[in-house]
């Protein structure tokens, strides 16, 4: 589901404010990365601002002024610059975004223990156990909005509904800086005018299939026999979409869904065919992934390598280790070995990525490594480097091999930390 599928209302929603039974909230920060940057650059408020980097990277976030010009997240930076040539481009600061995200999630956890993060900047909350203490669901939503703005100096939008699916649609519709209640008896009136692309699970291909059947709105789909949808889309998808079209979504809020993986990737400004340069970038990515894992308290069992070629074809390789690790050198050595095994001599490469999967509690890693003294010492050194970077900045200490690498003190053009539900 794309946010562009659900347009914000231009006046009253006509849905009413009865929030009885609407104990599911979806809270979503507004233009999160851009909003965090504007906290320290208030002079840029009201101007089109894009968070991203390079000509071949992608847009991570954009202010609503830039979005009005057609810019949106995940758009290639080259296209964004053409659409908004006057926009101010800011390199991302992932450490700052992580800090603000932790602050936001801490606010949520004071409201209810039932918090399900979807990404750094959004989460579902089940507030059924907080009503006696904090008031109605709408009042709790307003409290969250006020606290986020007061404590983190950014704004958020809140959808209040009886189900996760409808709550997420509501927060999208009311952006930016709003709150929308979808009363239990108004769910169908809210859903049925929407385009079918608003339904979870409807991508471009599915939308094309539905259009061939003449189904363009949620109402069209809802009034189509479920057997017809099952024949056209498959039994599981057909049933799922039919249920959503009638507002049926029984999924509970799952608190603190664990991270599935932690990774980073980089799109080069120009295609690279030199293995030594690729090795250096793999080291930088492994360094970032290892640091993030240690900071989050995770160790990973599987190293994944991602390579995208000049023609945009992509391949991935993975290798499972004997024991979980958060040691940068072990991550790098494994990723490099997988890359070298591909035999990509003089092959132009557009992007490389390193990701750790099979995450588990990393508290026992140091004790396990003590059996292999050299790795234990190496991990101690990496932890010390983490502390120095936290105090003096990320570029204060880095592997010697990266000192001469152009842009070594800059973050990857694209990177991410995949989470359950994102």
Protein backbone atom coordinates (compact mmCIF):
# COMPACT_ATOMS: atom_id res chain seq x y z
CA UNK A 1 0.00 0.00 0.00
CA UNK A 2 1.36 3.41 -0.98
CA UNK A 3 0.57 6.53 0.96
CA UNK A 4 -0.31 8.14 -2.34
CA UNK A 5 -3.25 5.76 -2.54
CA UNK A 6 -5.00 7.53 0.33
CA UNK A 7 -5.44 11.27 -0.11
CA UNK A 8 -5.74 13.56 2.87
CA UNK A 9 -9.16 15.13 3.41
CA UNK A 10 -9.61 18.78 2.54
CA UNK A 11 -12.12 19.45 5.29
CA UNK A 12 -14.26 17.52 7.72
CA UNK A 13 -14.08 13.77 7.28
CA UNK A 14 -17.72 13.27 8.14
CA UNK A 15 -16.87 10.16 10.14
CA UNK A 16 -17.72 11.47 13.58
CA UNK A 17 -15.67 11.22 16.76
CA UNK A 18 -17.13 8.17 18.51
CA UNK A 19 -14.01 6.24 19.52
CA UNK A 20 -15.76 3.50 21.55
CA UNK A 21 -13.92 0.25 20.86
CA UNK A 22 -11.25 2.00 18.78
CA UNK A 23 -8.32 0.82 20.86
CA UNK A 24 -5.79 0.35 18.03
CA UNK A 25 -3.60 3.36 17.22
CA UNK A 26 -1.19 3.75 14.34
CA UNK A 27 1.30 6.55 15.03
CA UNK A 28 3.49 7.74 12.16
CA UNK A 29 6.05 10.53 12.24
CA UNK A 30 5.64 13.19 9.55
CA UNK A 31 8.51 13.24 7.00
CA UNK A 32 10.65 11.73 9.74
CA UNK A 33 14.23 12.09 8.49
CA UNK A 34 13.56 15.55 7.10
CA UNK A 35 11.80 16.64 10.30
CA UNK A 36 14.77 15.51 12.41
CA UNK A 37 17.11 17.55 10.21
CA UNK A 38 14.93 20.65 10.51
CA UNK A 39 15.18 20.56 14.30
CA UNK A 40 18.75 21.79 13.92
CA UNK A 41 18.13 23.88 10.80
CA UNK A 42 14.97 25.85 11.54
CA UNK A 43 15.86 28.34 8.82
CA UNK A 44 14.94 25.64 6.27
CA UNK A 45 11.35 25.31 7.48
CA UNK A 46 8.92 26.11 4.69
CA UNK A 47 11.46 25.22 2.00
CA UNK A 48 11.68 22.07 -0.15
CA UNK A 49 14.23 19.82 1.57
CA UNK A 50 15.36 16.36 0.46
CA UNK A 51 17.29 13.90 2.62
CA UNK A 52 19.43 11.71 0.40
CA UNK A 53 22.76 11.75 -1.32
CA UNK A 54 24.60 11.49 -4.60
CA UNK A 55 23.12 11.46 -8.07
CA UNK A 56 22.54 7.71 -8.04
CA UNK A 57 21.23 7.26 -4.54
CA UNK A 58 17.60 7.47 -3.51
CA UNK A 59 15.44 9.90 -1.55
CA UNK A 60 15.15 8.85 2.08
CA UNK A 61 12.71 11.59 3.03
CA UNK A 62 11.39 14.91 1.80
CA UNK A 63 9.52 17.80 3.35
CA UNK A 64 5.95 18.36 2.26
CA UNK A 65 7.09 21.35 0.20
CA UNK A 66 9.29 18.99 -1.83
CA UNK A 67 6.54 16.38 -1.99
CA UNK A 68 4.24 18.97 -3.54
CA UNK A 69 6.74 19.05 -6.42
CA UNK A 70 6.42 15.31 -6.94
CA UNK A 71 9.34 14.12 -4.81
CA UNK A 72 8.78 11.04 -2.66
CA UNK A 73 10.83 8.55 -0.68
CA UNK A 74 12.65 5.79 -2.61
CA UNK A 75 12.72 7.98 -5.71
CA UNK A 76 16.12 8.13 -7.49
CA UNK A 77 17.96 11.29 -6.48
CA UNK A 78 18.59 12.17 -10.12
CA UNK A 79 14.85 12.36 -10.77
CA UNK A 80 14.19 14.23 -7.52
CA UNK A 81 16.72 16.89 -8.51
CA UNK A 82 15.00 17.33 -11.88
CA UNK A 83 11.57 17.67 -10.28
CA UNK A 84 12.76 20.07 -7.56
CA UNK A 85 15.98 21.74 -8.76
CA UNK A 86 15.73 24.39 -6.06
CA UNK A 87 15.40 21.84 -3.24
CA UNK A 88 18.03 21.74 -0.51
CA UNK A 89 19.66 18.30 -0.30
CA UNK A 90 20.95 17.06 3.06
CA UNK A 91 23.13 14.00 3.61
CA UNK A 92 21.45 11.56 6.05
CA UNK A 93 22.53 11.29 9.68
CA UNK A 94 21.39 7.82 10.71
CA UNK A 95 22.74 8.14 14.22
CA UNK A 96 20.49 11.14 14.85
CA UNK A 97 17.48 9.33 13.41
CA UNK A 98 18.13 6.35 15.65
CA UNK A 99 18.33 8.54 18.74
CA UNK A 100 15.05 10.31 17.97
CA UNK A 101 13.38 6.98 17.16
CA UNK A 102 14.41 5.57 20.54
CA UNK A 103 12.95 8.66 22.21
CA UNK A 104 9.66 8.28 20.34
CA UNK A 105 9.39 4.58 21.15
CA UNK A 106 10.07 5.37 24.81
CA UNK A 107 7.06 7.69 24.79
CA UNK A 108 4.91 4.93 23.36
CA UNK A 109 6.07 2.50 26.04
CA UNK A 110 4.91 4.87 28.80
CA UNK A 111 1.44 4.70 27.25
CA UNK A 112 1.11 0.93 26.85
CA UNK A 113 3.33 -2.16 26.87
CA UNK A 114 1.61 -3.28 23.64
CA UNK A 115 3.77 -1.44 21.11
CA UNK A 116 4.60 -2.98 17.72
CA UNK A 117 7.25 -0.96 15.87
CA UNK A 118 7.05 -1.13 12.08
CA UNK A 119 10.15 0.96 11.40
CA UNK A 120 12.11 3.77 13.00
CA UNK A 121 9.21 6.20 12.67
CA UNK A 122 5.95 4.31 13.07
CA UNK A 123 4.26 1.81 15.33
CA UNK A 124 0.96 0.23 16.26
CA UNK A 125 -0.28 0.61 19.84
CA UNK A 126 -3.04 -1.31 21.61
CA UNK A 127 -4.32 1.07 24.29
CA UNK A 128 -7.17 -1.07 25.61
CA UNK A 129 -5.39 -1.45 28.94
CA UNK A 130 -4.67 2.28 29.25
CA UNK A 131 -8.18 3.71 28.99
CA UNK A 132 -8.89 3.83 32.72
CA UNK A 133 -5.58 5.58 33.40
CA UNK A 134 -5.31 7.94 30.42
CA UNK A 135 -8.81 8.42 29.04
CA UNK A 136 -10.40 7.70 25.67
CA UNK A 137 -8.45 6.41 22.63
CA UNK A 138 -8.74 9.84 21.00
CA UNK A 139 -7.43 11.54 24.13
CA UNK A 140 -4.51 9.12 24.23
CA UNK A 141 -3.74 9.87 20.59
CA UNK A 142 -3.71 13.61 21.31
CA UNK A 143 -1.48 13.01 24.33
CA UNK A 144 1.02 11.12 22.15
CA UNK A 145 1.04 13.88 19.54
CA UNK A 146 1.65 16.54 22.19
CA UNK A 147 4.46 14.60 23.87
CA UNK A 148 6.25 13.78 20.62
CA UNK A 149 6.21 17.42 19.60
CA UNK A 150 7.25 18.64 23.05
CA UNK A 151 10.00 16.09 23.72
CA UNK A 152 11.34 15.43 20.20
CA UNK A 153 10.39 18.64 18.35
CA UNK A 154 8.80 16.76 15.46
CA UNK A 155 5.17 16.08 14.57
CA UNK A 156 3.27 12.86 14.03
CA UNK A 157 -0.09 11.72 12.74
CA UNK A 158 -2.36 9.25 14.52
CA UNK A 159 -5.02 6.91 13.20
CA UNK A 160 -7.52 5.56 15.75
CA UNK A 161 -9.63 2.54 14.78
CA UNK A 162 -10.80 -0.94 15.70
CA UNK A 163 -8.16 -2.70 13.57
CA UNK A 164 -4.54 -2.25 12.55
CA UNK A 165 -5.35 -1.96 8.85
CA UNK A 166 -7.92 0.81 9.27
CA UNK A 167 -5.79 2.66 11.83
CA UNK A 168 -2.87 2.78 9.38
CA UNK A 169 -5.09 4.07 6.59
CA UNK A 170 -6.45 6.73 8.94
CA UNK A 171 -3.03 8.05 9.94
CA UNK A 172 -2.05 8.23 6.27
CA UNK A 173 -5.19 10.10 5.33
CA UNK A 174 -4.84 12.75 8.03
CA UNK A 175 -1.16 13.61 7.42
CA UNK A 176 0.61 15.79 8.29
CA UNK A 177 0.20 16.56 11.99
CA UNK A 178 -3.33 15.26 12.44
CA UNK A 179 -5.50 12.70 14.21
CA UNK A 180 -8.38 10.78 12.64
CA UNK A 181 -10.84 8.51 14.41
CA UNK A 182 -12.67 5.94 12.28
CA UNK A 183 -15.69 4.94 14.41
CA UNK A 184 -16.60 1.27 14.43
CA UNK A 185 -19.87 1.93 12.61
CA UNK A 186 -18.15 4.05 9.94
CA UNK A 187 -15.44 1.62 8.81
CA UNK A 188 -17.26 0.60 5.62
CA UNK A 189 -18.07 4.22 4.74
CA UNK A 190 -14.38 5.05 5.22
CA UNK A 191 -13.01 2.10 3.24
CA UNK A 192 -15.31 1.68 0.26
CA UNK A 193 -14.59 4.94 -1.61
CA UNK A 194 -10.83 4.25 -1.56
CA UNK A 195 -8.94 2.85 -4.58
CA UNK A 196 -8.18 -0.87 -4.45
CA UNK A 197 -4.48 0.02 -4.22
CA UNK A 198 -5.12 1.14 -0.64
CA UNK A 199 -5.54 -2.47 0.46
CA UNK A 200 -2.58 -4.26 2.02
CA UNK A 201 -1.24 -6.78 -0.46
CA UNK A 202 -2.28 -4.90 -3.61
CA UNK A 203 0.84 -4.02 -5.58
CA UNK A 204 1.03 -2.79 -9.15
CA UNK A 205 0.51 -6.22 -10.73
CA UNK A 206 -2.41 -7.13 -8.49
CA UNK A 207 -3.96 -3.73 -9.14
CA UNK A 208 -3.67 -4.36 -12.88
CA UNK A 209 -5.38 -7.74 -12.46
CA UNK A 210 -8.19 -6.14 -10.50
CA UNK A 211 -8.56 -3.38 -13.09
CA UNK A 212 -8.99 -6.02 -15.80
CA UNK A 213 -11.91 -7.34 -13.75
CA UNK A 214 -13.33 -3.80 -13.59
CA UNK A 215 -12.53 -3.45 -9.88
CA UNK A 216 -11.18 0.00 -9.14
CA UNK A 217 -12.50 0.87 -5.68
CA UNK A 218 -12.59 -1.06 -2.44
CA UNK A 219 -16.39 -1.11 -2.77
CA UNK A 220 -16.08 -2.80 -6.18
CA UNK A 221 -13.91 -5.50 -4.65
CA UNK A 222 -16.05 -5.91 -1.55
CA UNK A 223 -19.15 -6.63 -3.66
CA UNK A 224 -17.37 -9.17 -5.85
CA UNK A 225 -17.99 -12.80 -4.84
CA UNK A 226 -15.02 -14.10 -2.91
CA UNK A 227 -14.88 -17.14 -5.19
CA UNK A 228 -14.27 -14.85 -8.17
CA UNK A 229 -11.38 -13.16 -6.37
CA UNK A 230 -9.94 -16.52 -5.36
CA UNK A 231 -10.00 -17.77 -8.96
CA UNK A 232 -8.35 -14.58 -10.25
CA UNK A 233 -5.77 -14.01 -7.51
CA UNK A 234 -5.43 -17.30 -5.67
CA UNK A 235 -7.35 -18.51 -2.67
CA UNK A 236 -5.21 -16.89 0.04
CA UNK A 237 -4.90 -13.46 -1.57
CA UNK A 238 -8.50 -13.38 -2.74
CA UNK A 239 -9.79 -14.20 0.74
CA UNK A 240 -7.39 -11.72 2.39
CA UNK A 241 -8.42 -8.80 0.18
CA UNK A 242 -12.12 -9.58 0.52
CA UNK A 243 -11.79 -9.56 4.31
CA UNK A 244 -9.93 -6.24 4.29
CA UNK A 245 -12.52 -4.70 1.98
CA UNK A 246 -15.12 -5.38 4.68
CA UNK A 247 -12.87 -4.08 7.47
CA UNK A 248 -11.98 -7.51 8.85
CA UNK A 249 -8.42 -7.62 10.23
CA UNK A 250 -8.08 -9.83 13.34
CA UNK A 251 -4.31 -9.42 13.76
CA UNK A 252 -3.33 -8.30 17.28
CA UNK A 253 -0.63 -5.79 18.13
CA UNK A 254 2.53 -7.82 18.72
CA UNK A 255 4.75 -5.97 21.21
CA UNK A 256 8.42 -5.39 20.46
CA UNK A 257 8.65 -7.49 17.34
CA UNK A 258 12.35 -8.38 17.09
CA UNK A 259 14.61 -7.17 14.31
CA UNK A 260 14.92 -9.67 11.50
CA UNK A 261 18.15 -8.29 10.12
CA UNK A 262 20.56 -5.37 10.20
CA UNK A 263 22.28 -4.24 7.05
CA UNK A 264 23.73 -1.44 4.97
CA UNK A 265 24.20 -0.97 1.25
CA UNK A 266 25.78 1.58 -1.04
CA UNK A 267 24.98 2.80 -4.54
CA UNK A 268 28.11 4.12 -6.23
CA UNK A 269 28.18 7.48 -8.02
CA UNK A 270 29.76 5.66 -11.00
CA UNK A 271 29.83 1.94 -11.74
CA UNK A 272 32.84 0.14 -10.25
CA UNK A 273 34.76 -2.78 -11.80
CA UNK A 274 37.81 -2.81 -9.51
CA UNK A 275 37.75 -5.63 -6.94
CA UNK A 276 40.07 -3.73 -4.58
CA UNK A 277 37.61 -0.82 -4.44
CA UNK A 278 34.71 -3.21 -3.86
CA UNK A 279 36.67 -4.82 -1.02
CA UNK A 280 37.15 -1.43 0.62
CA UNK A 281 33.45 -0.63 0.39
CA UNK A 282 32.55 -4.04 1.79
CA UNK A 283 34.82 -3.29 4.73
CA UNK A 284 33.06 0.03 5.33
CA UNK A 285 29.63 -1.61 5.18
CA UNK A 286 30.72 -4.46 7.48
CA UNK A 287 32.10 -1.85 9.88
CA UNK A 288 28.73 -0.09 9.99
CA UNK A 289 26.73 -3.30 10.35
CA UNK A 290 28.98 -4.58 13.15
CA UNK A 291 28.72 -1.29 15.02
CA UNK A 292 24.94 -1.25 14.74
CA UNK A 293 24.67 -4.81 15.97
CA UNK A 294 26.85 -4.13 18.99
CA UNK A 295 24.88 -0.97 19.77
CA UNK A 296 21.57 -2.85 19.50
CA UNK A 297 22.87 -5.83 21.52
CA UNK A 298 22.54 -8.37 18.70
CA UNK A 299 24.73 -11.07 17.19
CA UNK A 300 23.99 -12.58 13.79
CA UNK A 301 24.40 -16.06 12.43
CA UNK A 302 24.09 -15.46 8.66
CA UNK A 303 26.05 -13.00 6.50
CA UNK A 304 24.32 -11.90 3.29
CA UNK A 305 26.05 -10.22 0.35
CA UNK A 306 24.10 -8.20 -2.21
CA UNK A 307 25.49 -7.13 -5.58
CA UNK A 308 23.63 -5.07 -8.20
CA UNK A 309 25.12 -4.73 -11.66
CA UNK A 310 25.09 -1.84 -14.14
CA UNK A 311 22.07 -3.36 -15.91
CA UNK A 312 20.18 -3.37 -12.56
CA UNK A 313 20.17 -7.15 -12.28
CA UNK A 314 20.81 -8.21 -8.68
CA UNK A 315 22.15 -11.29 -6.97
CA UNK A 316 22.51 -12.24 -3.32
CA UNK A 317 24.65 -14.81 -1.57
CA UNK A 318 24.55 -15.87 2.06
CA UNK A 319 26.69 -17.94 4.38
CA UNK A 320 25.78 -19.23 7.83
CA UNK A 321 28.52 -19.10 10.45
CA UNK A 322 29.33 -21.72 13.06
CA UNK A 323 28.41 -19.32 15.87
CA UNK A 324 26.68 -15.90 16.01
CA UNK A 325 28.96 -12.88 15.81
CA UNK A 326 28.98 -9.09 15.97
CA UNK A 327 32.69 -8.76 15.08
CA UNK A 328 33.28 -6.52 12.06
CA UNK A 329 36.28 -8.48 10.79
CA UNK A 330 34.38 -11.76 10.73
CA UNK A 331 31.47 -10.12 8.91
CA UNK A 332 33.86 -8.54 6.39
CA UNK A 333 35.92 -11.67 5.81
CA UNK A 334 32.78 -13.68 5.10
CA UNK A 335 31.29 -11.06 2.77
CA UNK A 336 34.58 -10.65 0.90
CA UNK A 337 34.99 -14.42 0.48
CA UNK A 338 31.50 -14.65 -1.03
CA UNK A 339 32.24 -11.74 -3.37
CA UNK A 340 35.57 -13.18 -4.51
CA UNK A 341 33.92 -16.54 -5.19
CA UNK A 342 31.67 -14.84 -7.77
CA UNK A 343 34.65 -14.16 -10.04
CA UNK A 344 33.41 -10.76 -11.14
CA UNK A 345 36.52 -9.47 -12.85
CA UNK A 346 35.91 -6.34 -14.95
CA UNK A 347 32.16 -6.55 -14.34
CA UNK A 348 30.61 -3.15 -13.70
CA UNK A 349 28.85 -3.00 -10.34
CA UNK A 350 26.32 -0.39 -9.29
CA UNK A 351 25.61 -1.37 -5.67
CA UNK A 352 26.92 -3.62 -2.92
CA UNK A 353 25.34 -4.47 0.41
CA UNK A 354 26.12 -6.43 3.56
CA UNK A 355 23.43 -7.75 5.89
CA UNK A 356 23.36 -9.89 9.04
CA UNK A 357 20.42 -12.21 9.56
CA UNK A 358 19.43 -14.77 12.16
CA UNK A 359 19.76 -12.19 14.91
CA UNK A 360 19.87 -13.22 18.55
CA UNK A 361 20.83 -11.77 21.92
CA UNK A 362 24.48 -10.78 21.64
CA UNK A 363 25.25 -10.67 25.36
CA UNK A 364 27.06 -14.01 25.25
CA UNK A 365 29.26 -13.25 22.26
CA UNK A 366 32.20 -11.89 24.26
CA UNK A 367 32.30 -14.99 26.45
CA UNK A 368 32.19 -17.28 23.43
CA UNK A 369 35.00 -15.36 21.77
CA UNK A 370 37.17 -15.66 24.84
CA UNK A 371 37.95 -19.20 23.69
CA UNK A 372 39.60 -17.68 20.62
CA UNK A 373 41.79 -15.00 22.15
CA UNK A 374 42.59 -13.09 18.96
CA UNK A 375 38.92 -12.55 18.11
CA UNK A 376 38.16 -11.64 21.73
CA UNK A 377 40.85 -8.94 21.63
CA UNK A 378 39.58 -7.72 18.27
CA UNK A 379 36.04 -7.36 19.60
CA UNK A 380 37.31 -5.43 22.63
CA UNK A 381 39.07 -3.06 20.24
CA UNK A 382 35.91 -2.61 18.17
CA UNK A 383 33.88 -1.84 21.29
CA UNK A 384 36.47 0.80 22.22
CA UNK A 385 36.17 2.29 18.73
CA UNK A 386 32.38 2.39 19.13
CA UNK A 387 32.81 4.44 22.30
CA UNK A 388 35.19 6.89 20.60
CA UNK A 389 32.83 7.36 17.67
CA UNK A 390 29.91 7.95 20.01
CA UNK A 391 31.87 10.73 21.66
CA UNK A 392 33.77 12.32 18.76
CA UNK A 393 31.81 11.38 15.66
CA UNK A 394 31.79 8.52 13.25
CA UNK A 395 34.78 9.70 11.21
CA UNK A 396 37.01 10.05 14.29
CA UNK A 397 38.21 6.44 13.99
CA UNK A 398 37.97 4.15 11.00
CA UNK A 399 39.91 1.27 9.44
CA UNK A 400 43.18 2.41 7.88
CA UNK A 401 42.16 0.96 4.53
CA UNK A 402 39.28 3.43 4.37
CA UNK A 403 41.27 6.60 5.00
CA UNK A 404 42.00 7.14 1.32
CA UNK A 405 38.65 5.89 0.08
CA UNK A 406 36.79 8.83 -1.38
CA UNK A 407 33.77 9.71 0.75
CA UNK A 408 34.79 7.26 3.45
CA UNK A 409 33.36 9.46 6.16
CA UNK A 410 29.98 9.60 4.45
CA UNK A 411 27.16 7.12 5.09
CA UNK A 412 26.07 4.73 2.34
CA UNK A 413 23.77 6.18 -0.31
CA UNK A 414 21.11 3.75 0.83
CA UNK A 415 21.00 1.75 3.96
CA UNK A 416 18.46 0.26 6.25
CA UNK A 417 17.62 -1.86 9.20
CA UNK A 418 14.81 -4.21 8.33
CA UNK A 419 12.36 -4.91 11.09
CA UNK A 420 9.48 -7.27 11.55
CA UNK A 421 6.42 -5.81 9.96
CA UNK A 422 8.25 -3.19 7.88
